[in-house]
Amino acid sequence: MKKKDFVTLILSTVGGILFALGMCMALLPEWNAFTPGVVVGAVGAVILLVMVMVRRKMSGKPAIVFNGRAIAITLLGVAGAIILGVGMCMTMIWDMMVAGIVVGIVGIIALLCLIPAIKGLK
């Protein structure tokens, strides 16, 4: 295993766990830990952003690239995740099973479009 892969593994695991735990703390009213959950989730998100910059630096690439393609891919990922999340809320919280499944599938399709957008078609 290369050093950059090991560092990415560690940082993404820690960041992902903290982010997920923070979201659970913030969104589960039974836990009564909204404010600490937001803080823990934010720390996890920062660790994940640092992981991206460290990985790119270890690969010899600039830390963050701002161009039209990168912004469009980011917006597609954010939109796909939000659409998938709305579909999940529709099915689990709002009792709109069929419509929620359809919206969730649209979100999944949007996220799957990231693969050819990032890697390209050959």
PDB file of N, CA and C in Angstrom:
ATOM      1  N   MET A   1       0.837  -1.169   0.000  1.00  0.00           N
ATOM      2  CA  MET A   1       0.000   0.000   0.000  1.00  0.00           C
ATOM      3  C   MET A   1       0.889   1.240   0.000  1.00  0.00           C
ATOM      4  N   LYS A   2       0.568   2.172  -0.865  1.00  0.00           N
ATOM      5  CA  LYS A   2       1.340   3.405  -0.938  1.00  0.00           C
ATOM      6  C   LYS A   2       1.014   4.291   0.256  1.00  0.00           C
ATOM      7  N   LYS A   3       1.956   5.166   0.563  1.00  0.00           N
ATOM      8  CA  LYS A   3       1.802   6.047   1.717  1.00  0.00           C
ATOM      9  C   LYS A   3       0.578   6.946   1.564  1.00  0.00           C
ATOM     10  N   LYS A   4       0.340   7.477   0.366  1.00  0.00           N
ATOM     11  CA  LYS A   4      -0.802   8.366   0.163  1.00  0.00           C
ATOM     12  C   LYS A   4      -2.117   7.615   0.334  1.00  0.00           C
ATOM     13  N   ASP A   5      -2.152   6.343  -0.060  1.00  0.00           N
ATOM     14  CA  ASP A   5      -3.367   5.551   0.120  1.00  0.00           C
ATOM     15  C   ASP A   5      -3.633   5.274   1.595  1.00  0.00           C
ATOM     16  N   PHE A   6      -2.582   5.026   2.366  1.00  0.00           N
ATOM     17  CA  PHE A   6      -2.742   4.767   3.795  1.00  0.00           C
ATOM     18  C   PHE A   6      -3.224   6.021   4.522  1.00  0.00           C
ATOM     19  N   VAL A   7      -2.630   7.158   4.190  1.00  0.00           N
ATOM     20  CA  VAL A   7      -3.046   8.416   4.810  1.00  0.00           C
ATOM     21  C   VAL A   7      -4.497   8.721   4.449  1.00  0.00           C
ATOM     22  N   THR A   8      -4.866   8.498   3.204  1.00  0.00           N
ATOM     23  CA  THR A   8      -6.251   8.710   2.779  1.00  0.00           C
ATOM     24  C   THR A   8      -7.194   7.786   3.521  1.00  0.00           C
ATOM     25  N   LEU A   9      -6.805   6.536   3.694  1.00  0.00           N
ATOM     26  CA  LEU A   9      -7.633   5.574   4.417  1.00  0.00           C
ATOM     27  C   LEU A   9      -7.893   6.032   5.845  1.00  0.00           C
ATOM     28  N   ILE A  10      -6.845   6.440   6.535  1.00  0.00           N
ATOM     29  CA  ILE A  10      -6.983   6.860   7.930  1.00  0.00           C
ATOM     30  C   ILE A  10      -7.826   8.130   8.040  1.00  0.00           C
ATOM     31  N   LEU A  11      -7.489   9.152   7.261  1.00  0.00           N
ATOM     32  CA  LEU A  11      -8.216  10.413   7.354  1.00  0.00           C
ATOM     33  C   LEU A  11      -9.673  10.279   6.930  1.00  0.00           C
ATOM     34  N   SER A  12      -9.940   9.511   5.881  1.00  0.00           N
ATOM     35  CA  SER A  12     -11.331   9.368   5.437  1.00  0.00           C
ATOM     36  C   SER A  12     -12.144   8.551   6.422  1.00  0.00           C
ATOM     37  N   THR A  13     -11.535   7.566   7.063  1.00  0.00           N
ATOM     38  CA  THR A  13     -12.257   6.781   8.067  1.00  0.00           C
ATOM     39  C   THR A  13     -12.606   7.635   9.280  1.00  0.00           C
ATOM     40  N   VAL A  14     -11.619   8.357   9.794  1.00  0.00           N
ATOM     41  CA  VAL A  14     -11.866   9.207  10.965  1.00  0.00           C
ATOM     42  C   VAL A  14     -12.874  10.309  10.620  1.00  0.00           C
ATOM     43  N   GLY A  15     -12.673  10.974   9.498  1.00  0.00           N
ATOM     44  CA  GLY A  15     -13.579  12.050   9.096  1.00  0.00           C
ATOM     45  C   GLY A  15     -14.992  11.553   8.837  1.00  0.00           C
ATOM     46  N   GLY A  16     -15.111  10.415   8.174  1.00  0.00           N
ATOM     47  CA  GLY A  16     -16.429   9.864   7.892  1.00  0.00           C
ATOM     48  C   GLY A  16     -17.184   9.451   9.146  1.00  0.00           C
ATOM     49  N   ILE A  17     -16.464   8.833  10.081  1.00  0.00           N
ATOM     50  CA  ILE A  17     -17.105   8.416  11.338  1.00  0.00           C
ATOM     51  C   ILE A  17     -17.542   9.640  12.139  1.00  0.00           C
ATOM     52  N   LEU A  18     -16.684  10.647  12.250  1.00  0.00           N
ATOM     53  CA  LEU A  18     -17.059  11.846  12.989  1.00  0.00           C
ATOM     54  C   LEU A  18     -18.230  12.566  12.335  1.00  0.00           C
ATOM     55  N   PHE A  19     -18.212  12.651  11.010  1.00  0.00           N
ATOM     56  CA  PHE A  19     -19.309  13.310  10.304  1.00  0.00           C
ATOM     57  C   PHE A  19     -20.620  12.566  10.517  1.00  0.00           C
ATOM     58  N   ALA A  20     -20.598  11.251  10.358  1.00  0.00           N
ATOM     59  CA  ALA A  20     -21.822  10.456  10.535  1.00  0.00           C
ATOM     60  C   ALA A  20     -22.319  10.516  11.976  1.00  0.00           C
ATOM     61  N   LEU A  21     -21.417  10.426  12.938  1.00  0.00           N
ATOM     62  CA  LEU A  21     -21.812  10.502  14.340  1.00  0.00           C
ATOM     63  C   LEU A  21     -22.398  11.869  14.665  1.00  0.00           C
ATOM     64  N   GLY A  22     -21.792  12.912  14.140  1.00  0.00           N
ATOM     65  CA  GLY A  22     -22.311  14.263  14.353  1.00  0.00           C
ATOM     66  C   GLY A  22     -23.695  14.437  13.777  1.00  0.00           C
ATOM     67  N   MET A  23     -23.928  13.880  12.587  1.00  0.00           N
ATOM     68  CA  MET A  23     -25.257  13.981  11.988  1.00  0.00           C
ATOM     69  C   MET A  23     -26.284  13.210  12.804  1.00  0.00           C
ATOM     70  N   CYS A  24     -25.910  12.058  13.316  1.00  0.00           N
ATOM     71  CA  CYS A  24     -26.822  11.298  14.180  1.00  0.00           C
ATOM     72  C   CYS A  24     -27.124  12.084  15.445  1.00  0.00           C
ATOM     73  N   MET A  25     -26.098  12.673  16.032  1.00  0.00           N
ATOM     74  CA  MET A  25     -26.307  13.451  17.257  1.00  0.00           C
ATOM     75  C   MET A  25     -27.243  14.628  17.005  1.00  0.00           C
ATOM     76  N   ALA A  26     -27.086  15.266  15.853  1.00  0.00           N
ATOM     77  CA  ALA A  26     -27.888  16.452  15.553  1.00  0.00           C
ATOM     78  C   ALA A  26     -29.315  16.105  15.143  1.00  0.00           C
ATOM     79  N   LEU A  27     -29.496  14.985  14.473  1.00  0.00           N
ATOM     80  CA  LEU A  27     -30.802  14.697  13.874  1.00  0.00           C
ATOM     81  C   LEU A  27     -31.674  13.741  14.673  1.00  0.00           C
ATOM     82  N   LEU A  28     -31.131  13.056  15.672  1.00  0.00           N
ATOM     83  CA  LEU A  28     -31.951  12.166  16.486  1.00  0.00           C
ATOM     84  C   LEU A  28     -32.372  12.893  17.762  1.00  0.00           C
ATOM     85  N   PRO A  29     -33.638  13.257  17.848  1.00  0.00           N
ATOM     86  CA  PRO A  29     -34.073  14.022  19.028  1.00  0.00           C
ATOM     87  C   PRO A  29     -33.928  13.247  20.332  1.00  0.00           C
ATOM     88  N   GLU A  30     -33.916  11.912  20.267  1.00  0.00           N
ATOM     89  CA  GLU A  30     -33.763  11.108  21.479  1.00  0.00           C
ATOM     90  C   GLU A  30     -32.407  11.338  22.145  1.00  0.00           C
ATOM     91  N   TRP A  31     -31.418  11.698  21.370  1.00  0.00           N
ATOM     92  CA  TRP A  31     -30.077  11.893  21.907  1.00  0.00           C
ATOM     93  C   TRP A  31     -29.941  13.252  22.586  1.00  0.00           C
ATOM     94  N   ASN A  32     -30.789  14.212  22.213  1.00  0.00           N
ATOM     95  CA  ASN A  32     -30.781  15.550  22.798  1.00  0.00           C
ATOM     96  C   ASN A  32     -29.384  16.173  22.751  1.00  0.00           C
ATOM     97  N   ALA A  33     -28.745  16.105  21.597  1.00  0.00           N
ATOM     98  CA  ALA A  33     -27.371  16.597  21.464  1.00  0.00           C
ATOM     99  C   ALA A  33     -27.197  17.345  20.145  1.00  0.00           C
ATOM    100  N   PHE A  34     -28.105  18.294  19.846  1.00  0.00           N
ATOM    101  CA  PHE A  34     -28.044  18.979  18.561  1.00  0.00           C
ATOM    102  C   PHE A  34     -26.758  19.798  18.412  1.00  0.00           C
ATOM    103  N   THR A  35     -26.476  20.677  19.363  1.00  0.00           N
ATOM    104  CA  THR A  35     -25.303  21.553  19.247  1.00  0.00           C
ATOM    105  C   THR A  35     -23.990  20.772  19.222  1.00  0.00           C
ATOM    106  N   PRO A  36     -23.787  19.819  20.146  1.00  0.00           N
ATOM    107  CA  PRO A  36     -22.545  19.037  20.037  1.00  0.00           C
ATOM    108  C   PRO A  36     -22.485  18.226  18.741  1.00  0.00           C
ATOM    109  N   GLY A  37     -23.641  17.799  18.237  1.00  0.00           N
ATOM    110  CA  GLY A  37     -23.668  17.054  16.980  1.00  0.00           C
ATOM    111  C   GLY A  37     -23.215  17.892  15.805  1.00  0.00           C
ATOM    112  N   VAL A  38     -23.642  19.143  15.786  1.00  0.00           N
ATOM    113  CA  VAL A  38     -23.210  20.042  14.713  1.00  0.00           C
ATOM    114  C   VAL A  38     -21.701  20.254  14.779  1.00  0.00           C
ATOM    115  N   VAL A  39     -21.177  20.399  15.985  1.00  0.00           N
ATOM    116  CA  VAL A  39     -19.733  20.604  16.143  1.00  0.00           C
ATOM    117  C   VAL A  39     -18.961  19.364  15.680  1.00  0.00           C
ATOM    118  N   VAL A  40     -19.386  18.179  16.124  1.00  0.00           N
ATOM    119  CA  VAL A  40     -18.700  16.935  15.740  1.00  0.00           C
ATOM    120  C   VAL A  40     -18.810  16.717  14.229  1.00  0.00           C
ATOM    121  N   GLY A  41     -19.980  16.980  13.656  1.00  0.00           N
ATOM    122  CA  GLY A  41     -20.151  16.842  12.207  1.00  0.00           C
ATOM    123  C   GLY A  41     -19.273  17.806  11.436  1.00  0.00           C
ATOM    124  N   ALA A  42     -19.152  19.035  11.932  1.00  0.00           N
ATOM    125  CA  ALA A  42     -18.300  20.021  11.270  1.00  0.00           C
ATOM    126  C   ALA A  42     -16.831  19.610  11.338  1.00  0.00           C
ATOM    127  N   VAL A  43     -16.405  19.074  12.477  1.00  0.00           N
ATOM    128  CA  VAL A  43     -15.018  18.588  12.603  1.00  0.00           C
ATOM    129  C   VAL A  43     -14.773  17.455  11.599  1.00  0.00           C
ATOM    130  N   GLY A  44     -15.738  16.546  11.470  1.00  0.00           N
ATOM    131  CA  GLY A  44     -15.608  15.460  10.497  1.00  0.00           C
ATOM    132  C   GLY A  44     -15.522  15.980   9.075  1.00  0.00           C
ATOM    133  N   ALA A  45     -16.344  16.985   8.744  1.00  0.00           N
ATOM    134  CA  ALA A  45     -16.312  17.564   7.399  1.00  0.00           C
ATOM    135  C   ALA A  45     -14.973  18.239   7.127  1.00  0.00           C
ATOM    136  N   VAL A  46     -14.425  18.933   8.124  1.00  0.00           N
ATOM    137  CA  VAL A  46     -13.126  19.587   7.956  1.00  0.00           C
ATOM    138  C   VAL A  46     -12.029  18.540   7.738  1.00  0.00           C
ATOM    139  N   ILE A  47     -12.071  17.448   8.496  1.00  0.00           N
ATOM    140  CA  ILE A  47     -11.080  16.381   8.316  1.00  0.00           C
ATOM    141  C   ILE A  47     -11.175  15.803   6.904  1.00  0.00           C
ATOM    142  N   LEU A  48     -12.390  15.630   6.397  1.00  0.00           N
ATOM    143  CA  LEU A  48     -12.556  15.109   5.037  1.00  0.00           C
ATOM    144  C   LEU A  48     -12.017  16.086   4.000  1.00  0.00           C
ATOM    145  N   LEU A  49     -12.224  17.383   4.202  1.00  0.00           N
ATOM    146  CA  LEU A  49     -11.670  18.369   3.272  1.00  0.00           C
ATOM    147  C   LEU A  49     -10.145  18.395   3.334  1.00  0.00           C
ATOM    148  N   VAL A  50      -9.598  18.279   4.533  1.00  0.00           N
ATOM    149  CA  VAL A  50      -8.139  18.210   4.681  1.00  0.00           C
ATOM    150  C   VAL A  50      -7.598  16.970   3.979  1.00  0.00           C
ATOM    151  N   MET A  51      -8.340  15.856   4.080  1.00  0.00           N
ATOM    152  CA  MET A  51      -7.911  14.617   3.425  1.00  0.00           C
ATOM    153  C   MET A  51      -7.802  14.815   1.912  1.00  0.00           C
ATOM    154  N   VAL A  52      -8.750  15.523   1.331  1.00  0.00           N
ATOM    155  CA  VAL A  52      -8.695  15.764  -0.117  1.00  0.00           C
ATOM    156  C   VAL A  52      -7.451  16.575  -0.466  1.00  0.00           C
ATOM    157  N   MET A  53      -7.188  17.623   0.308  1.00  0.00           N
ATOM    158  CA  MET A  53      -6.024  18.465   0.012  1.00  0.00           C
ATOM    159  C   MET A  53      -4.707  17.707   0.238  1.00  0.00           C
ATOM    160  N   VAL A  54      -4.626  16.916   1.302  1.00  0.00           N
ATOM    161  CA  VAL A  54      -3.411  16.138   1.572  1.00  0.00           C
ATOM    162  C   VAL A  54      -3.193  15.110   0.473  1.00  0.00           C
ATOM    163  N   ARG A  55      -4.239  14.430   0.060  1.00  0.00           N
ATOM    164  CA  ARG A  55      -4.125  13.414  -0.996  1.00  0.00           C
ATOM    165  C   ARG A  55      -3.608  14.040  -2.286  1.00  0.00           C
ATOM    166  N   ARG A  56      -4.189  15.191  -2.649  1.00  0.00           N
ATOM    167  CA  ARG A  56      -3.759  15.842  -3.886  1.00  0.00           C
ATOM    168  C   ARG A  56      -2.302  16.312  -3.770  1.00  0.00           C
ATOM    169  N   LYS A  57      -1.931  16.809  -2.609  1.00  0.00           N
ATOM    170  CA  LYS A  57      -0.556  17.263  -2.410  1.00  0.00           C
ATOM    171  C   LYS A  57       0.424  16.089  -2.502  1.00  0.00           C
ATOM    172  N   MET A  58       0.040  14.938  -1.914  1.00  0.00           N
ATOM    173  CA  MET A  58       0.913  13.765  -1.973  1.00  0.00           C
ATOM    174  C   MET A  58       0.985  13.177  -3.377  1.00  0.00           C
ATOM    175  N   SER A  59      -0.003  13.466  -4.210  1.00  0.00           N
ATOM    176  CA  SER A  59       0.006  12.994  -5.597  1.00  0.00           C
ATOM    177  C   SER A  59       0.736  13.953  -6.521  1.00  0.00           C
ATOM    178  N   GLY A  60       1.194  15.077  -5.976  1.00  0.00           N
ATOM    179  CA  GLY A  60       1.919  16.049  -6.795  1.00  0.00           C
ATOM    180  C   GLY A  60       1.008  16.960  -7.578  1.00  0.00           C
ATOM    181  N   LYS A  61      -0.246  17.072  -7.182  1.00  0.00           N
ATOM    182  CA  LYS A  61      -1.207  17.933  -7.864  1.00  0.00           C
ATOM    183  C   LYS A  61      -1.472  19.147  -6.987  1.00  0.00           C
ATOM    184  N   PRO A  62      -2.000  20.222  -7.577  1.00  0.00           N
ATOM    185  CA  PRO A  62      -2.369  21.371  -6.741  1.00  0.00           C
ATOM    186  C   PRO A  62      -3.489  20.973  -5.776  1.00  0.00           C
ATOM    187  N   ALA A  63      -3.530  21.623  -4.611  1.00  0.00           N
ATOM    188  CA  ALA A  63      -4.470  21.244  -3.553  1.00  0.00           C
ATOM    189  C   ALA A  63      -5.920  21.289  -4.028  1.00  0.00           C
ATOM    190  N   ILE A  64      -6.355  22.392  -4.580  1.00  0.00           N
ATOM    191  CA  ILE A  64      -7.729  22.519  -5.063  1.00  0.00           C
ATOM    192  C   ILE A  64      -7.679  23.184  -6.434  1.00  0.00           C
ATOM    193  N   VAL A  65      -8.432  22.642  -7.370  1.00  0.00           N
ATOM    194  CA  VAL A  65      -8.484  23.181  -8.713  1.00  0.00           C
ATOM    195  C   VAL A  65      -9.857  23.830  -8.909  1.00  0.00           C
ATOM    196  N   PHE A  66      -9.854  25.112  -9.253  1.00  0.00           N
ATOM    197  CA  PHE A  66     -11.104  25.807  -9.528  1.00  0.00           C
ATOM    198  C   PHE A  66     -11.199  26.055 -11.025  1.00  0.00           C
ATOM    199  N   ASN A  67     -12.035  25.273 -11.679  1.00  0.00           N
ATOM    200  CA  ASN A  67     -12.356  25.514 -13.074  1.00  0.00           C
ATOM    201  C   ASN A  67     -13.823  25.124 -13.281  1.00  0.00           C
ATOM    202  N   GLY A  68     -14.332  25.383 -14.453  1.00  0.00           N
ATOM    203  CA  GLY A  68     -15.743  25.123 -14.720  1.00  0.00           C
ATOM    204  C   GLY A  68     -16.115  23.663 -14.565  1.00  0.00           C
ATOM    205  N   ARG A  69     -15.257  22.786 -15.000  1.00  0.00           N
ATOM    206  CA  ARG A  69     -15.546  21.349 -14.910  1.00  0.00           C
ATOM    207  C   ARG A  69     -15.622  20.887 -13.461  1.00  0.00           C
ATOM    208  N   ALA A  70     -14.670  21.315 -12.643  1.00  0.00           N
ATOM    209  CA  ALA A  70     -14.670  20.918 -11.233  1.00  0.00           C
ATOM    210  C   ALA A  70     -15.889  21.458 -10.503  1.00  0.00           C
ATOM    211  N   ILE A  71     -16.279  22.683 -10.797  1.00  0.00           N
ATOM    212  CA  ILE A  71     -17.457  23.267 -10.157  1.00  0.00           C
ATOM    213  C   ILE A  71     -18.722  22.545 -10.593  1.00  0.00           C
ATOM    214  N   ALA A  72     -18.821  22.215 -11.892  1.00  0.00           N
ATOM    215  CA  ALA A  72     -20.004  21.497 -12.385  1.00  0.00           C
ATOM    216  C   ALA A  72     -20.103  20.099 -11.768  1.00  0.00           C
ATOM    217  N   ILE A  73     -18.990  19.408 -11.654  1.00  0.00           N
ATOM    218  CA  ILE A  73     -18.994  18.070 -11.051  1.00  0.00           C
ATOM    219  C   ILE A  73     -19.388  18.161  -9.578  1.00  0.00           C
ATOM    220  N   THR A  74     -18.870  19.165  -8.876  1.00  0.00           N
ATOM    221  CA  THR A  74     -19.232  19.351  -7.471  1.00  0.00           C
ATOM    222  C   THR A  74     -20.721  19.630  -7.333  1.00  0.00           C
ATOM    223  N   LEU A  75     -21.255  20.505  -8.165  1.00  0.00           N
ATOM    224  CA  LEU A  75     -22.687  20.817  -8.103  1.00  0.00           C
ATOM    225  C   LEU A  75     -23.541  19.596  -8.430  1.00  0.00           C
ATOM    226  N   LEU A  76     -23.101  18.777  -9.380  1.00  0.00           N
ATOM    227  CA  LEU A  76     -23.834  17.554  -9.705  1.00  0.00           C
ATOM    228  C   LEU A  76     -23.840  16.600  -8.508  1.00  0.00           C
ATOM    229  N   GLY A  77     -22.708  16.466  -7.831  1.00  0.00           N
ATOM    230  CA  GLY A  77     -22.643  15.608  -6.651  1.00  0.00           C
ATOM    231  C   GLY A  77     -23.521  16.108  -5.523  1.00  0.00           C
ATOM    232  N   VAL A  78     -23.492  17.403  -5.272  1.00  0.00           N
ATOM    233  CA  VAL A  78     -24.321  17.988  -4.214  1.00  0.00           C
ATOM    234  C   VAL A  78     -25.799  17.822  -4.556  1.00  0.00           C
ATOM    235  N   ALA A  79     -26.177  18.122  -5.791  1.00  0.00           N
ATOM    236  CA  ALA A  79     -27.573  17.993  -6.199  1.00  0.00           C
ATOM    237  C   ALA A  79     -28.042  16.538  -6.099  1.00  0.00           C
ATOM    238  N   GLY A  80     -27.209  15.600  -6.545  1.00  0.00           N
ATOM    239  CA  GLY A  80     -27.575  14.187  -6.462  1.00  0.00           C
ATOM    240  C   GLY A  80     -27.766  13.722  -5.030  1.00  0.00           C
ATOM    241  N   ALA A  81     -26.874  14.164  -4.135  1.00  0.00           N
ATOM    242  CA  ALA A  81     -26.994  13.781  -2.726  1.00  0.00           C
ATOM    243  C   ALA A  81     -28.242  14.378  -2.094  1.00  0.00           C
ATOM    244  N   ILE A  82     -28.548  15.635  -2.425  1.00  0.00           N
ATOM    245  CA  ILE A  82     -29.750  16.264  -1.872  1.00  0.00           C
ATOM    246  C   ILE A  82     -31.011  15.590  -2.400  1.00  0.00           C
ATOM    247  N   ILE A  83     -31.044  15.287  -3.683  1.00  0.00           N
ATOM    248  CA  ILE A  83     -32.219  14.619  -4.260  1.00  0.00           C
ATOM    249  C   ILE A  83     -32.408  13.235  -3.637  1.00  0.00           C
ATOM    250  N   LEU A  84     -31.317  12.489  -3.483  1.00  0.00           N
ATOM    251  CA  LEU A  84     -31.408  11.179  -2.834  1.00  0.00           C
ATOM    252  C   LEU A  84     -31.897  11.326  -1.394  1.00  0.00           C
ATOM    253  N   GLY A  85     -31.398  12.310  -0.679  1.00  0.00           N
ATOM    254  CA  GLY A  85     -31.828  12.548   0.700  1.00  0.00           C
ATOM    255  C   GLY A  85     -33.294  12.927   0.790  1.00  0.00           C
ATOM    256  N   VAL A  86     -33.773  13.739  -0.134  1.00  0.00           N
ATOM    257  CA  VAL A  86     -35.199  14.102  -0.147  1.00  0.00           C
ATOM    258  C   VAL A  86     -36.050  12.868  -0.403  1.00  0.00           C
ATOM    259  N   GLY A  87     -35.601  12.010  -1.307  1.00  0.00           N
ATOM    260  CA  GLY A  87     -36.334  10.768  -1.564  1.00  0.00           C
ATOM    261  C   GLY A  87     -36.389   9.883  -0.334  1.00  0.00           C
ATOM    262  N   MET A  88     -35.289   9.819   0.398  1.00  0.00           N
ATOM    263  CA  MET A  88     -35.281   9.025   1.634  1.00  0.00           C
ATOM    264  C   MET A  88     -36.222   9.624   2.673  1.00  0.00           C
ATOM    265  N   CYS A  89     -36.237  10.953   2.790  1.00  0.00           N
ATOM    266  CA  CYS A  89     -37.160  11.601   3.732  1.00  0.00           C
ATOM    267  C   CYS A  89     -38.606  11.356   3.325  1.00  0.00           C
ATOM    268  N   MET A  90     -38.870  11.383   2.036  1.00  0.00           N
ATOM    269  CA  MET A  90     -40.239  11.151   1.573  1.00  0.00           C
ATOM    270  C   MET A  90     -40.722   9.756   1.952  1.00  0.00           C
ATOM    271  N   THR A  91     -39.841   8.774   1.845  1.00  0.00           N
ATOM    272  CA  THR A  91     -40.268   7.411   2.160  1.00  0.00           C
ATOM    273  C   THR A  91     -40.314   7.146   3.654  1.00  0.00           C
ATOM    274  N   MET A  92     -39.347   7.647   4.411  1.00  0.00           N
ATOM    275  CA  MET A  92     -39.238   7.271   5.821  1.00  0.00           C
ATOM    276  C   MET A  92     -39.965   8.212   6.768  1.00  0.00           C
ATOM    277  N   ILE A  93     -40.115   9.466   6.413  1.00  0.00           N
ATOM    278  CA  ILE A  93     -40.690  10.436   7.339  1.00  0.00           C
ATOM    279  C   ILE A  93     -42.060  10.923   6.886  1.00  0.00           C
ATOM    280  N   TRP A  94     -42.219  11.207   5.612  1.00  0.00           N
ATOM    281  CA  TRP A  94     -43.431  11.852   5.131  1.00  0.00           C
ATOM    282  C   TRP A  94     -44.469  10.879   4.592  1.00  0.00           C
ATOM    283  N   ASP A  95     -44.260   9.577   4.703  1.00  0.00           N
ATOM    284  CA  ASP A  95     -45.211   8.547   4.227  1.00  0.00           C
ATOM    285  C   ASP A  95     -45.607   8.718   2.758  1.00  0.00           C
ATOM    286  N   MET A  96     -44.637   8.976   1.915  1.00  0.00           N
ATOM    287  CA  MET A  96     -44.867   9.087   0.474  1.00  0.00           C
ATOM    288  C   MET A  96     -43.992   8.046  -0.216  1.00  0.00           C
ATOM    289  N   MET A  97     -44.356   6.775  -0.038  1.00  0.00           N
ATOM    290  CA  MET A  97     -43.477   5.673  -0.411  1.00  0.00           C
ATOM    291  C   MET A  97     -43.117   5.677  -1.900  1.00  0.00           C
ATOM    292  N   VAL A  98     -44.109   5.626  -2.769  1.00  0.00           N
ATOM    293  CA  VAL A  98     -43.823   5.481  -4.210  1.00  0.00           C
ATOM    294  C   VAL A  98     -43.109   6.716  -4.747  1.00  0.00           C
ATOM    295  N   ALA A  99     -43.610   7.896  -4.394  1.00  0.00           N
ATOM    296  CA  ALA A  99     -42.970   9.122  -4.875  1.00  0.00           C
ATOM    297  C   ALA A  99     -41.539   9.237  -4.325  1.00  0.00           C
ATOM    298  N   GLY A 100     -41.343   8.838  -3.069  1.00  0.00           N
ATOM    299  CA  GLY A 100     -40.011   8.892  -2.476  1.00  0.00           C
ATOM    300  C   GLY A 100     -39.036   7.958  -3.163  1.00  0.00           C
ATOM    301  N   ILE A 101     -39.519   6.769  -3.522  1.00  0.00           N
ATOM    302  CA  ILE A 101     -38.655   5.828  -4.238  1.00  0.00           C
ATOM    303  C   ILE A 101     -38.259   6.392  -5.591  1.00  0.00           C
ATOM    304  N   VAL A 102     -39.215   7.005  -6.298  1.00  0.00           N
ATOM    305  CA  VAL A 102     -38.916   7.590  -7.611  1.00  0.00           C
ATOM    306  C   VAL A 102     -37.897   8.721  -7.470  1.00  0.00           C
ATOM    307  N   VAL A 103     -38.111   9.606  -6.495  1.00  0.00           N
ATOM    308  CA  VAL A 103     -37.171  10.712  -6.284  1.00  0.00           C
ATOM    309  C   VAL A 103     -35.799  10.171  -5.880  1.00  0.00           C
ATOM    310  N   GLY A 104     -35.765   9.145  -5.027  1.00  0.00           N
ATOM    311  CA  GLY A 104     -34.500   8.534  -4.631  1.00  0.00           C
ATOM    312  C   GLY A 104     -33.758   7.937  -5.816  1.00  0.00           C
ATOM    313  N   ILE A 105     -34.473   7.290  -6.708  1.00  0.00           N
ATOM    314  CA  ILE A 105     -33.840   6.714  -7.905  1.00  0.00           C
ATOM    315  C   ILE A 105     -33.265   7.815  -8.786  1.00  0.00           C
ATOM    316  N   VAL A 106     -33.972   8.941  -8.900  1.00  0.00           N
ATOM    317  CA  VAL A 106     -33.447  10.071  -9.674  1.00  0.00           C
ATOM    318  C   VAL A 106     -32.136  10.569  -9.049  1.00  0.00           C
ATOM    319  N   GLY A 107     -32.094  10.630  -7.710  1.00  0.00           N
ATOM    320  CA  GLY A 107     -30.863  11.031  -7.032  1.00  0.00           C
ATOM    321  C   GLY A 107     -29.728  10.048  -7.263  1.00  0.00           C
ATOM    322  N   ILE A 108     -30.046   8.760  -7.233  1.00  0.00           N
ATOM    323  CA  ILE A 108     -29.023   7.738  -7.481  1.00  0.00           C
ATOM    324  C   ILE A 108     -28.497   7.854  -8.910  1.00  0.00           C
ATOM    325  N   ILE A 109     -29.385   8.093  -9.857  1.00  0.00           N
ATOM    326  CA  ILE A 109     -28.964   8.254 -11.251  1.00  0.00           C
ATOM    327  C   ILE A 109     -28.056   9.473 -11.388  1.00  0.00           C
ATOM    328  N   ALA A 110     -28.413  10.561 -10.695  1.00  0.00           N
ATOM    329  CA  ALA A 110     -27.553  11.758 -10.740  1.00  0.00           C
ATOM    330  C   ALA A 110     -26.169  11.449 -10.171  1.00  0.00           C
ATOM    331  N   LEU A 111     -26.126  10.686  -9.090  1.00  0.00           N
ATOM    332  CA  LEU A 111     -24.829  10.325  -8.509  1.00  0.00           C
ATOM    333  C   LEU A 111     -24.053   9.373  -9.413  1.00  0.00           C
ATOM    334  N   LEU A 112     -24.755   8.482 -10.090  1.00  0.00           N
ATOM    335  CA  LEU A 112     -24.073   7.583 -11.024  1.00  0.00           C
ATOM    336  C   LEU A 112     -23.509   8.334 -12.221  1.00  0.00           C
ATOM    337  N   CYS A 113     -24.113   9.473 -12.566  1.00  0.00           N
ATOM    338  CA  CYS A 113     -23.599  10.280 -13.665  1.00  0.00           C
ATOM    339  C   CYS A 113     -22.236  10.878 -13.324  1.00  0.00           C
ATOM    340  N   LEU A 114     -21.886  10.886 -12.048  1.00  0.00           N
ATOM    341  CA  LEU A 114     -20.565  11.403 -11.670  1.00  0.00           C
ATOM    342  C   LEU A 114     -19.434  10.543 -12.215  1.00  0.00           C
ATOM    343  N   ILE A 115     -19.678   9.260 -12.362  1.00  0.00           N
ATOM    344  CA  ILE A 115     -18.609   8.345 -12.814  1.00  0.00           C
ATOM    345  C   ILE A 115     -18.128   8.733 -14.205  1.00  0.00           C
ATOM    346  N   PRO A 116     -19.012   8.816 -15.214  1.00  0.00           N
ATOM    347  CA  PRO A 116     -18.493   9.234 -16.519  1.00  0.00           C
ATOM    348  C   PRO A 116     -18.071  10.703 -16.551  1.00  0.00           C
ATOM    349  N   ALA A 117     -18.663  11.537 -15.683  1.00  0.00           N
ATOM    350  CA  ALA A 117     -18.264  12.942 -15.660  1.00  0.00           C
ATOM    351  C   ALA A 117     -16.835  13.095 -15.138  1.00  0.00           C
ATOM    352  N   ILE A 118     -16.455  12.288 -14.171  1.00  0.00           N
ATOM    353  CA  ILE A 118     -15.109  12.394 -13.607  1.00  0.00           C
ATOM    354  C   ILE A 118     -14.095  11.597 -14.418  1.00  0.00           C
ATOM    355  N   LYS A 119     -14.404  10.333 -14.696  1.00  0.00           N
ATOM    356  CA  LYS A 119     -13.459   9.455 -15.391  1.00  0.00           C
ATOM    357  C   LYS A 119     -13.495   9.607 -16.897  1.00  0.00           C
ATOM    358  N   GLY A 120     -14.646   9.989 -17.429  1.00  0.00           N
ATOM    359  CA  GLY A 120     -14.797  10.103 -18.880  1.00  0.00           C
ATOM    360  C   GLY A 120     -15.153   8.751 -19.499  1.00  0.00           C
ATOM    361  N   LEU A 121     -15.573   8.789 -20.727  1.00  0.00           N
ATOM    362  CA  LEU A 121     -15.919   7.577 -21.466  1.00  0.00           C
ATOM    363  C   LEU A 121     -14.787   7.250 -22.443  1.00  0.00           C
ATOM    364  N   LYS A 122     -14.466   5.960 -22.553  1.00  0.00           N
ATOM    365  CA  LYS A 122     -13.368   5.572 -23.458  1.00  0.00           C
ATOM    366  C   LYS A 122     -13.884   4.596 -24.480  1.00  0.00           C
TER     367      LYS A 122
END
